[in-house]
N, C-alpha and C. Protein backbone atom coordinates (compact mmCIF):
# COMPACT_ATOMS: atom_id res chain seq x y z
N MET A 1 85.74 -16.37 89.75
CA MET A 1 84.59 -17.16 89.41
C MET A 1 83.68 -17.21 90.65
N THR A 2 82.38 -17.04 90.44
CA THR A 2 81.44 -17.07 91.54
C THR A 2 81.02 -18.50 91.82
N LYS A 3 80.83 -18.79 93.11
CA LYS A 3 80.41 -20.14 93.45
C LYS A 3 78.89 -20.26 93.28
N PRO A 4 78.40 -21.46 93.02
CA PRO A 4 76.97 -21.64 92.77
C PRO A 4 76.14 -21.34 94.01
N VAL A 5 74.90 -20.93 93.78
CA VAL A 5 73.96 -20.64 94.86
C VAL A 5 73.59 -21.96 95.53
N SER A 6 73.58 -21.97 96.86
CA SER A 6 73.23 -23.18 97.60
C SER A 6 71.76 -23.14 97.99
N TYR A 7 71.05 -24.18 97.64
CA TYR A 7 69.63 -24.30 97.98
C TYR A 7 69.43 -25.32 99.10
N LYS A 8 70.47 -25.64 99.84
CA LYS A 8 70.36 -26.61 100.92
C LYS A 8 69.33 -26.12 101.95
N ARG A 9 68.61 -27.07 102.50
CA ARG A 9 67.59 -26.82 103.54
C ARG A 9 66.47 -25.91 103.04
N HIS A 10 66.21 -25.92 101.73
CA HIS A 10 65.07 -25.20 101.17
C HIS A 10 64.05 -26.23 100.71
N ARG A 11 62.79 -25.97 100.99
CA ARG A 11 61.71 -26.92 100.71
C ARG A 11 61.43 -27.07 99.23
N PHE A 12 61.54 -25.98 98.48
CA PHE A 12 61.18 -25.99 97.06
C PHE A 12 62.40 -26.25 96.18
N PRO A 13 62.18 -26.82 95.00
CA PRO A 13 63.29 -27.05 94.06
C PRO A 13 63.91 -25.71 93.61
N PRO A 14 65.18 -25.73 93.22
CA PRO A 14 65.85 -24.50 92.80
C PRO A 14 65.14 -23.76 91.66
N GLU A 15 64.53 -24.50 90.74
CA GLU A 15 63.86 -23.86 89.60
C GLU A 15 62.69 -23.00 90.07
N ILE A 16 61.92 -23.50 91.04
CA ILE A 16 60.78 -22.73 91.56
C ILE A 16 61.27 -21.52 92.33
N THR A 17 62.30 -21.71 93.14
CA THR A 17 62.86 -20.59 93.89
C THR A 17 63.38 -19.51 92.96
N ALA A 18 64.13 -19.90 91.95
CA ALA A 18 64.68 -18.93 91.00
C ALA A 18 63.57 -18.20 90.26
N HIS A 19 62.55 -18.92 89.85
CA HIS A 19 61.43 -18.29 89.14
C HIS A 19 60.68 -17.33 90.06
N ALA A 20 60.49 -17.71 91.31
CA ALA A 20 59.81 -16.83 92.27
C ALA A 20 60.60 -15.55 92.51
N VAL A 21 61.92 -15.67 92.60
CA VAL A 21 62.75 -14.48 92.79
C VAL A 21 62.68 -13.58 91.56
N TRP A 22 62.71 -14.18 90.38
CA TRP A 22 62.58 -13.39 89.15
C TRP A 22 61.25 -12.63 89.14
N LEU A 23 60.17 -13.34 89.47
CA LEU A 23 58.85 -12.69 89.52
C LEU A 23 58.82 -11.58 90.57
N TYR A 24 59.47 -11.81 91.69
CA TYR A 24 59.50 -10.85 92.79
C TYR A 24 60.09 -9.50 92.36
N PHE A 25 61.10 -9.56 91.51
CA PHE A 25 61.73 -8.31 91.07
C PHE A 25 61.01 -7.66 89.89
N TRP A 26 60.04 -8.35 89.32
CA TRP A 26 59.28 -7.78 88.19
C TRP A 26 57.87 -7.37 88.54
N PHE A 27 57.25 -8.02 89.53
CA PHE A 27 55.85 -7.79 89.84
C PHE A 27 55.67 -7.50 91.32
N PRO A 28 54.52 -6.91 91.70
CA PRO A 28 54.24 -6.70 93.13
C PRO A 28 54.18 -8.05 93.85
N LEU A 29 54.61 -8.03 95.10
CA LEU A 29 54.72 -9.25 95.87
C LEU A 29 53.41 -10.02 95.97
N SER A 30 52.29 -9.33 96.18
CA SER A 30 51.01 -10.02 96.29
C SER A 30 50.65 -10.74 94.98
N LEU A 31 51.03 -10.14 93.85
CA LEU A 31 50.76 -10.75 92.55
C LEU A 31 51.63 -12.00 92.35
N VAL A 32 52.86 -11.95 92.83
CA VAL A 32 53.76 -13.11 92.71
C VAL A 32 53.17 -14.29 93.48
N GLU A 33 52.69 -14.01 94.69
CA GLU A 33 52.09 -15.08 95.50
C GLU A 33 50.90 -15.70 94.77
N GLU A 34 50.08 -14.86 94.15
CA GLU A 34 48.92 -15.36 93.41
C GLU A 34 49.33 -16.14 92.16
N MET A 35 50.35 -15.65 91.45
CA MET A 35 50.82 -16.34 90.24
C MET A 35 51.34 -17.74 90.57
N LEU A 36 52.07 -17.85 91.67
CA LEU A 36 52.58 -19.16 92.07
C LEU A 36 51.44 -20.06 92.55
N LEU A 37 50.47 -19.49 93.24
CA LEU A 37 49.33 -20.25 93.71
C LEU A 37 48.53 -20.83 92.55
N GLU A 38 48.39 -20.06 91.47
CA GLU A 38 47.70 -20.55 90.27
C GLU A 38 48.40 -21.78 89.68
N ARG A 39 49.69 -21.89 89.90
CA ARG A 39 50.46 -23.02 89.37
C ARG A 39 50.56 -24.15 90.39
N GLY A 40 49.82 -24.01 91.48
CA GLY A 40 49.80 -25.07 92.50
C GLY A 40 50.93 -24.99 93.50
N ILE A 41 51.62 -23.86 93.57
CA ILE A 41 52.73 -23.70 94.49
C ILE A 41 52.27 -22.79 95.63
N VAL A 42 52.12 -23.37 96.81
CA VAL A 42 51.67 -22.60 97.97
C VAL A 42 52.90 -22.13 98.73
N VAL A 43 53.13 -20.83 98.67
CA VAL A 43 54.28 -20.22 99.35
C VAL A 43 53.85 -18.83 99.83
N SER A 44 54.28 -18.45 101.00
CA SER A 44 53.87 -17.16 101.57
C SER A 44 54.68 -16.02 100.95
N TYR A 45 54.10 -14.84 101.03
CA TYR A 45 54.81 -13.67 100.49
C TYR A 45 56.08 -13.39 101.28
N GLU A 46 56.07 -13.73 102.58
CA GLU A 46 57.26 -13.51 103.39
C GLU A 46 58.42 -14.41 102.93
N THR A 47 58.11 -15.64 102.56
CA THR A 47 59.13 -16.55 102.05
C THR A 47 59.70 -16.03 100.74
N ILE A 48 58.84 -15.53 99.86
CA ILE A 48 59.30 -14.98 98.58
C ILE A 48 60.20 -13.77 98.81
N ARG A 49 59.79 -12.92 99.75
CA ARG A 49 60.59 -11.74 100.08
C ARG A 49 61.97 -12.15 100.60
N ARG A 50 62.01 -13.16 101.45
CA ARG A 50 63.30 -13.63 101.98
C ARG A 50 64.18 -14.23 100.88
N TRP A 51 63.55 -14.98 99.98
CA TRP A 51 64.30 -15.52 98.83
C TRP A 51 64.90 -14.38 98.02
N GLY A 52 64.10 -13.35 97.78
CA GLY A 52 64.59 -12.20 97.02
C GLY A 52 65.78 -11.54 97.69
N LYS A 53 65.72 -11.43 99.00
CA LYS A 53 66.82 -10.82 99.76
C LYS A 53 68.06 -11.72 99.75
N LYS A 54 67.83 -13.04 99.85
CA LYS A 54 68.96 -13.97 99.91
C LYS A 54 69.60 -14.23 98.55
N PHE A 55 68.75 -14.53 97.54
CA PHE A 55 69.27 -14.95 96.25
C PHE A 55 69.37 -13.84 95.22
N GLY A 56 68.62 -12.76 95.40
CA GLY A 56 68.56 -11.68 94.42
C GLY A 56 69.90 -11.08 94.03
N PRO A 57 70.73 -10.67 95.02
CA PRO A 57 72.03 -10.07 94.65
C PRO A 57 72.92 -11.00 93.82
N ASP A 58 72.90 -12.31 94.15
CA ASP A 58 73.72 -13.26 93.40
C ASP A 58 73.20 -13.41 91.97
N TYR A 59 71.87 -13.49 91.81
CA TYR A 59 71.29 -13.58 90.47
C TYR A 59 71.65 -12.34 89.66
N ALA A 60 71.56 -11.16 90.29
CA ALA A 60 71.87 -9.91 89.59
C ALA A 60 73.33 -9.88 89.16
N ARG A 61 74.24 -10.33 90.02
CA ARG A 61 75.66 -10.38 89.66
C ARG A 61 75.89 -11.28 88.46
N ARG A 62 75.23 -12.41 88.44
CA ARG A 62 75.40 -13.35 87.32
C ARG A 62 74.84 -12.78 86.02
N LEU A 63 73.75 -12.02 86.12
CA LEU A 63 73.17 -11.42 84.93
C LEU A 63 74.07 -10.31 84.38
N ARG A 64 74.65 -9.53 85.28
CA ARG A 64 75.50 -8.42 84.85
C ARG A 64 76.79 -8.89 84.20
N ARG A 65 77.29 -10.01 84.65
CA ARG A 65 78.56 -10.53 84.12
C ARG A 65 78.29 -11.23 82.79
N LYS A 66 78.64 -10.57 81.73
CA LYS A 66 78.41 -11.11 80.40
C LYS A 66 79.53 -12.11 80.06
N GLN A 67 79.16 -13.23 79.53
CA GLN A 67 80.13 -14.24 79.15
C GLN A 67 80.88 -13.81 77.88
N SER A 68 82.18 -14.02 77.88
CA SER A 68 83.00 -13.68 76.73
C SER A 68 82.74 -14.65 75.59
N SER A 69 82.90 -14.15 74.39
CA SER A 69 82.69 -14.98 73.21
C SER A 69 83.85 -14.77 72.25
N ARG A 70 84.13 -15.77 71.45
CA ARG A 70 85.19 -15.67 70.44
C ARG A 70 84.80 -14.69 69.34
N ASN A 71 83.51 -14.35 69.22
CA ASN A 71 83.05 -13.41 68.20
C ASN A 71 82.93 -11.98 68.71
N ASP A 72 83.43 -11.70 69.90
CA ASP A 72 83.36 -10.35 70.45
C ASP A 72 84.23 -9.39 69.65
N ILE A 73 83.84 -8.14 69.67
CA ILE A 73 84.63 -7.06 69.09
C ILE A 73 84.88 -6.06 70.21
N TRP A 74 86.15 -5.78 70.47
CA TRP A 74 86.50 -4.84 71.53
C TRP A 74 86.85 -3.50 70.91
N HIS A 75 86.32 -2.44 71.50
CA HIS A 75 86.66 -1.07 71.10
C HIS A 75 87.53 -0.49 72.22
N LEU A 76 88.72 -0.04 71.87
CA LEU A 76 89.65 0.50 72.85
C LEU A 76 89.93 1.95 72.55
N ASP A 77 90.03 2.74 73.60
CA ASP A 77 90.32 4.15 73.43
C ASP A 77 90.97 4.67 74.71
N GLU A 78 91.64 5.77 74.59
CA GLU A 78 92.26 6.40 75.75
C GLU A 78 91.88 7.87 75.75
N VAL A 79 91.68 8.40 76.96
CA VAL A 79 91.24 9.78 77.14
C VAL A 79 92.16 10.44 78.14
N VAL A 80 92.57 11.66 77.85
CA VAL A 80 93.42 12.39 78.79
C VAL A 80 92.54 12.98 79.89
N ILE A 81 92.99 12.81 81.14
CA ILE A 81 92.30 13.38 82.28
C ILE A 81 93.32 14.04 83.19
N ASN A 82 92.88 14.99 83.97
CA ASN A 82 93.76 15.65 84.93
C ASN A 82 93.40 15.19 86.33
N ILE A 83 94.40 14.69 87.05
CA ILE A 83 94.22 14.28 88.43
C ILE A 83 95.22 15.07 89.26
N ALA A 84 94.70 15.90 90.14
CA ALA A 84 95.54 16.77 90.99
C ALA A 84 96.49 17.60 90.14
N GLY A 85 95.99 18.10 89.02
CA GLY A 85 96.79 18.95 88.15
C GLY A 85 97.80 18.22 87.29
N GLN A 86 97.81 16.91 87.35
CA GLN A 86 98.76 16.11 86.57
C GLN A 86 98.02 15.34 85.48
N LYS A 87 98.63 15.27 84.31
CA LYS A 87 98.03 14.61 83.15
C LYS A 87 98.14 13.10 83.28
N HIS A 88 96.98 12.42 83.13
CA HIS A 88 96.91 10.96 83.14
C HIS A 88 96.08 10.52 81.95
N TRP A 89 96.16 9.23 81.65
CA TRP A 89 95.38 8.67 80.55
C TRP A 89 94.44 7.61 81.10
N LEU A 90 93.17 7.74 80.75
CA LEU A 90 92.17 6.75 81.10
C LEU A 90 92.02 5.84 79.89
N TRP A 91 92.49 4.60 80.01
CA TRP A 91 92.38 3.61 78.95
C TRP A 91 91.11 2.83 79.22
N ARG A 92 90.31 2.66 78.18
CA ARG A 92 89.01 2.02 78.36
C ARG A 92 88.73 1.03 77.24
N ALA A 93 88.16 -0.13 77.60
CA ALA A 93 87.78 -1.14 76.63
C ALA A 93 86.29 -1.43 76.79
N VAL A 94 85.58 -1.40 75.66
CA VAL A 94 84.14 -1.64 75.63
C VAL A 94 83.88 -2.69 74.56
N ASP A 95 82.97 -3.64 74.82
CA ASP A 95 82.67 -4.61 73.79
C ASP A 95 81.57 -4.10 72.86
N HIS A 96 81.24 -4.86 71.84
CA HIS A 96 80.31 -4.41 70.81
C HIS A 96 78.88 -4.24 71.33
N ASP A 97 78.58 -4.79 72.53
CA ASP A 97 77.26 -4.61 73.12
C ASP A 97 77.21 -3.41 74.07
N GLY A 98 78.35 -2.76 74.27
CA GLY A 98 78.38 -1.59 75.14
C GLY A 98 78.79 -1.88 76.57
N TYR A 99 79.15 -3.13 76.87
CA TYR A 99 79.61 -3.46 78.21
C TYR A 99 81.04 -2.96 78.39
N VAL A 100 81.29 -2.27 79.49
CA VAL A 100 82.64 -1.82 79.79
C VAL A 100 83.42 -3.02 80.30
N LEU A 101 84.46 -3.38 79.57
CA LEU A 101 85.26 -4.55 79.93
C LEU A 101 86.31 -4.21 80.97
N ASP A 102 86.94 -3.05 80.81
CA ASP A 102 87.99 -2.66 81.75
C ASP A 102 88.30 -1.18 81.58
N GLU A 103 88.75 -0.58 82.66
CA GLU A 103 89.25 0.79 82.65
C GLU A 103 90.52 0.81 83.49
N ILE A 104 91.50 1.55 83.04
CA ILE A 104 92.75 1.64 83.77
C ILE A 104 93.31 3.05 83.58
N VAL A 105 93.82 3.64 84.63
CA VAL A 105 94.42 4.98 84.58
C VAL A 105 95.93 4.83 84.65
N GLN A 106 96.63 5.44 83.69
CA GLN A 106 98.08 5.38 83.64
C GLN A 106 98.65 6.78 83.36
N THR A 107 99.89 6.98 83.72
CA THR A 107 100.52 8.27 83.46
C THR A 107 101.13 8.35 82.07
N ARG A 108 101.24 7.23 81.40
CA ARG A 108 101.86 7.20 80.07
C ARG A 108 100.90 6.71 79.01
N ARG A 109 101.25 7.03 77.78
CA ARG A 109 100.47 6.62 76.61
C ARG A 109 101.44 6.01 75.61
N ASN A 110 101.90 4.79 75.91
CA ASN A 110 102.92 4.16 75.08
C ASN A 110 102.62 2.67 74.88
N THR A 111 103.50 1.98 74.20
CA THR A 111 103.31 0.57 73.89
C THR A 111 103.28 -0.28 75.16
N LYS A 112 104.12 0.03 76.12
CA LYS A 112 104.17 -0.74 77.36
C LYS A 112 102.80 -0.69 78.07
N THR A 113 102.20 0.48 78.11
CA THR A 113 100.89 0.62 78.75
C THR A 113 99.81 -0.08 77.93
N ALA A 114 99.85 0.06 76.61
CA ALA A 114 98.87 -0.62 75.75
C ALA A 114 98.99 -2.13 75.91
N LYS A 115 100.21 -2.62 76.03
CA LYS A 115 100.42 -4.06 76.25
C LYS A 115 99.84 -4.49 77.59
N ARG A 116 100.03 -3.66 78.61
CA ARG A 116 99.47 -3.96 79.93
C ARG A 116 97.95 -4.03 79.88
N VAL A 117 97.33 -3.09 79.15
CA VAL A 117 95.87 -3.05 79.01
C VAL A 117 95.37 -4.31 78.31
N LEU A 118 96.01 -4.68 77.20
CA LEU A 118 95.58 -5.87 76.44
C LEU A 118 95.80 -7.16 77.23
N ALA A 119 96.92 -7.25 77.93
CA ALA A 119 97.19 -8.45 78.73
C ALA A 119 96.18 -8.57 79.87
N ARG A 120 95.85 -7.46 80.47
CA ARG A 120 94.85 -7.47 81.55
C ARG A 120 93.47 -7.87 81.02
N LEU A 121 93.12 -7.36 79.84
CA LEU A 121 91.85 -7.74 79.21
C LEU A 121 91.81 -9.23 78.91
N MET A 122 92.88 -9.76 78.38
CA MET A 122 92.94 -11.19 78.07
C MET A 122 92.79 -12.02 79.34
N ARG A 123 93.45 -11.58 80.41
CA ARG A 123 93.37 -12.30 81.67
C ARG A 123 91.94 -12.28 82.23
N MET A 124 91.28 -11.12 82.13
CA MET A 124 89.94 -10.97 82.68
C MET A 124 88.88 -11.67 81.82
N GLN A 125 89.01 -11.61 80.50
CA GLN A 125 88.00 -12.17 79.60
C GLN A 125 88.21 -13.66 79.34
N GLY A 126 89.44 -14.12 79.40
CA GLY A 126 89.71 -15.54 79.22
C GLY A 126 89.97 -15.95 77.78
N ILE A 127 89.32 -15.33 76.83
CA ILE A 127 89.53 -15.67 75.42
C ILE A 127 89.69 -14.39 74.61
N PRO A 128 90.46 -14.45 73.53
CA PRO A 128 90.66 -13.24 72.72
C PRO A 128 89.41 -12.92 71.89
N PRO A 129 89.25 -11.68 71.51
CA PRO A 129 88.10 -11.31 70.67
C PRO A 129 88.37 -11.65 69.21
N LYS A 130 87.36 -11.49 68.39
CA LYS A 130 87.52 -11.68 66.95
C LYS A 130 88.30 -10.50 66.37
N ARG A 131 88.04 -9.32 66.90
CA ARG A 131 88.64 -8.10 66.34
C ARG A 131 88.74 -7.04 67.43
N ILE A 132 89.76 -6.20 67.35
CA ILE A 132 89.82 -5.01 68.19
C ILE A 132 89.81 -3.79 67.27
N ILE A 133 89.12 -2.76 67.72
CA ILE A 133 89.03 -1.52 66.96
C ILE A 133 89.56 -0.41 67.85
N THR A 134 90.52 0.33 67.32
CA THR A 134 91.16 1.40 68.10
C THR A 134 91.25 2.66 67.26
N ASP A 135 91.73 3.72 67.91
CA ASP A 135 92.06 4.92 67.14
C ASP A 135 93.43 4.67 66.50
N ARG A 136 94.04 5.67 65.97
CA ARG A 136 95.29 5.46 65.22
C ARG A 136 96.55 5.46 66.07
N LEU A 137 96.42 5.32 67.37
CA LEU A 137 97.60 5.24 68.22
C LEU A 137 98.38 3.98 67.87
N ARG A 138 99.61 4.14 67.45
CA ARG A 138 100.42 3.00 66.99
C ARG A 138 100.77 2.02 68.10
N SER A 139 100.69 2.47 69.33
CA SER A 139 101.01 1.59 70.46
C SER A 139 100.09 0.39 70.52
N TYR A 140 98.83 0.56 70.11
CA TYR A 140 97.89 -0.57 70.11
C TYR A 140 98.35 -1.68 69.17
N GLY A 141 98.79 -1.30 67.98
CA GLY A 141 99.24 -2.29 67.01
C GLY A 141 100.45 -3.06 67.49
N ALA A 142 101.42 -2.34 68.06
CA ALA A 142 102.63 -2.99 68.57
C ALA A 142 102.28 -3.92 69.74
N ALA A 143 101.41 -3.47 70.62
CA ALA A 143 101.03 -4.30 71.77
C ALA A 143 100.23 -5.51 71.33
N ARG A 144 99.33 -5.33 70.38
CA ARG A 144 98.52 -6.45 69.89
C ARG A 144 99.39 -7.53 69.27
N ARG A 145 100.41 -7.14 68.50
CA ARG A 145 101.31 -8.12 67.89
C ARG A 145 102.02 -8.97 68.94
N GLN A 146 102.28 -8.39 70.11
CA GLN A 146 102.95 -9.13 71.17
C GLN A 146 101.99 -9.97 72.01
N VAL A 147 100.81 -9.44 72.32
CA VAL A 147 99.89 -10.10 73.24
C VAL A 147 98.93 -11.05 72.53
N MET A 148 98.34 -10.61 71.42
CA MET A 148 97.35 -11.42 70.71
C MET A 148 97.55 -11.28 69.21
N PRO A 149 98.58 -11.92 68.66
CA PRO A 149 98.91 -11.74 67.25
C PRO A 149 97.87 -12.26 66.26
N SER A 150 97.02 -13.20 66.67
CA SER A 150 96.04 -13.77 65.74
C SER A 150 94.76 -12.94 65.63
N VAL A 151 94.63 -11.91 66.45
CA VAL A 151 93.41 -11.09 66.47
C VAL A 151 93.49 -10.00 65.40
N GLU A 152 92.41 -9.84 64.67
CA GLU A 152 92.33 -8.78 63.66
C GLU A 152 92.29 -7.42 64.35
N HIS A 153 92.99 -6.45 63.76
CA HIS A 153 93.05 -5.11 64.34
C HIS A 153 92.67 -4.08 63.29
N ARG A 154 91.71 -3.27 63.62
CA ARG A 154 91.33 -2.16 62.74
C ARG A 154 91.53 -0.87 63.49
N SER A 155 92.16 0.06 62.84
CA SER A 155 92.34 1.37 63.48
C SER A 155 91.88 2.45 62.51
N HIS A 156 90.98 3.25 63.00
CA HIS A 156 90.41 4.33 62.20
C HIS A 156 90.31 5.57 63.07
N LYS A 157 90.54 6.69 62.45
CA LYS A 157 90.38 7.95 63.17
C LYS A 157 88.91 8.15 63.48
N GLY A 158 88.59 8.26 64.76
CA GLY A 158 87.22 8.56 65.17
C GLY A 158 86.30 7.36 65.27
N THR A 159 86.74 6.16 64.92
CA THR A 159 85.87 4.98 64.96
C THR A 159 85.41 4.69 66.38
N THR A 160 86.34 4.70 67.33
CA THR A 160 85.97 4.35 68.70
C THR A 160 85.05 5.41 69.29
N GLU A 161 85.18 6.64 68.88
CA GLU A 161 84.34 7.69 69.45
C GLU A 161 82.90 7.54 69.01
N ARG A 162 82.65 7.06 67.80
CA ARG A 162 81.28 6.87 67.33
C ARG A 162 80.66 5.59 67.89
N LYS A 163 81.46 4.56 68.10
CA LYS A 163 80.94 3.25 68.48
C LYS A 163 80.80 3.07 69.99
N THR A 164 81.61 3.76 70.79
CA THR A 164 81.59 3.54 72.22
C THR A 164 81.16 4.80 72.95
N PRO A 165 80.57 4.63 74.12
CA PRO A 165 80.13 5.79 74.88
C PRO A 165 81.24 6.36 75.74
N ILE A 166 82.31 6.84 75.11
CA ILE A 166 83.44 7.40 75.83
C ILE A 166 83.40 8.92 75.67
N CYS A 167 83.70 9.60 76.75
CA CYS A 167 83.70 11.07 76.72
C CYS A 167 84.65 11.58 75.64
N ARG A 168 84.19 12.51 74.84
CA ARG A 168 85.00 13.02 73.72
C ARG A 168 85.80 14.26 74.11
N CYS A 169 85.61 14.73 75.32
CA CYS A 169 86.29 15.96 75.70
C CYS A 169 87.77 15.69 75.95
N GLY A 170 88.64 16.33 75.19
CA GLY A 170 90.08 16.20 75.37
C GLY A 170 90.57 14.78 75.21
N SER A 171 90.05 14.06 74.24
CA SER A 171 90.39 12.64 74.11
C SER A 171 91.81 12.40 73.63
N GLY A 172 92.45 13.39 73.10
CA GLY A 172 93.82 13.19 72.65
C GLY A 172 93.92 12.33 71.41
N ASN A 173 92.85 12.21 70.65
CA ASN A 173 92.87 11.38 69.44
C ASN A 173 93.20 12.19 68.20
N GLU A 174 93.59 13.42 68.37
CA GLU A 174 93.86 14.25 67.20
C GLU A 174 95.10 13.80 66.49
């Protein structure tokens, strides 16, 4: 969990600072200064630039981190990859909005690994999804019954390949 941004020893209220930083990343700096001036806020472009440098990365991190919802739908798939000439499986989970929830590389493609993937997803997301959609690998069903028995599970041949942006080359879903 990220700690809140500290606005201690700043002259302006947090709302004005946050709005100025948002404007800074969308418009030219001179225009931001003018836009704030029109609203009666006198602040130099150098102050806005410093705010952008100080607060911008934290704001971006918070925007990128999508909050989990009980209505989420997770698409899970595994792809075979070669690492140093050895066969591995890239297990990947993507939500219905296209956000990559987790990726994990394992040497096996079995129930134990599927259970590890689902348990890790539950730990990272905090709440279970409404539904998971997988290919027809039976390991997903067995793992789901152990980790999240109340979650609906749909498995269809090729469903995850159409819904998620996962590489289709050598996916091992045949």
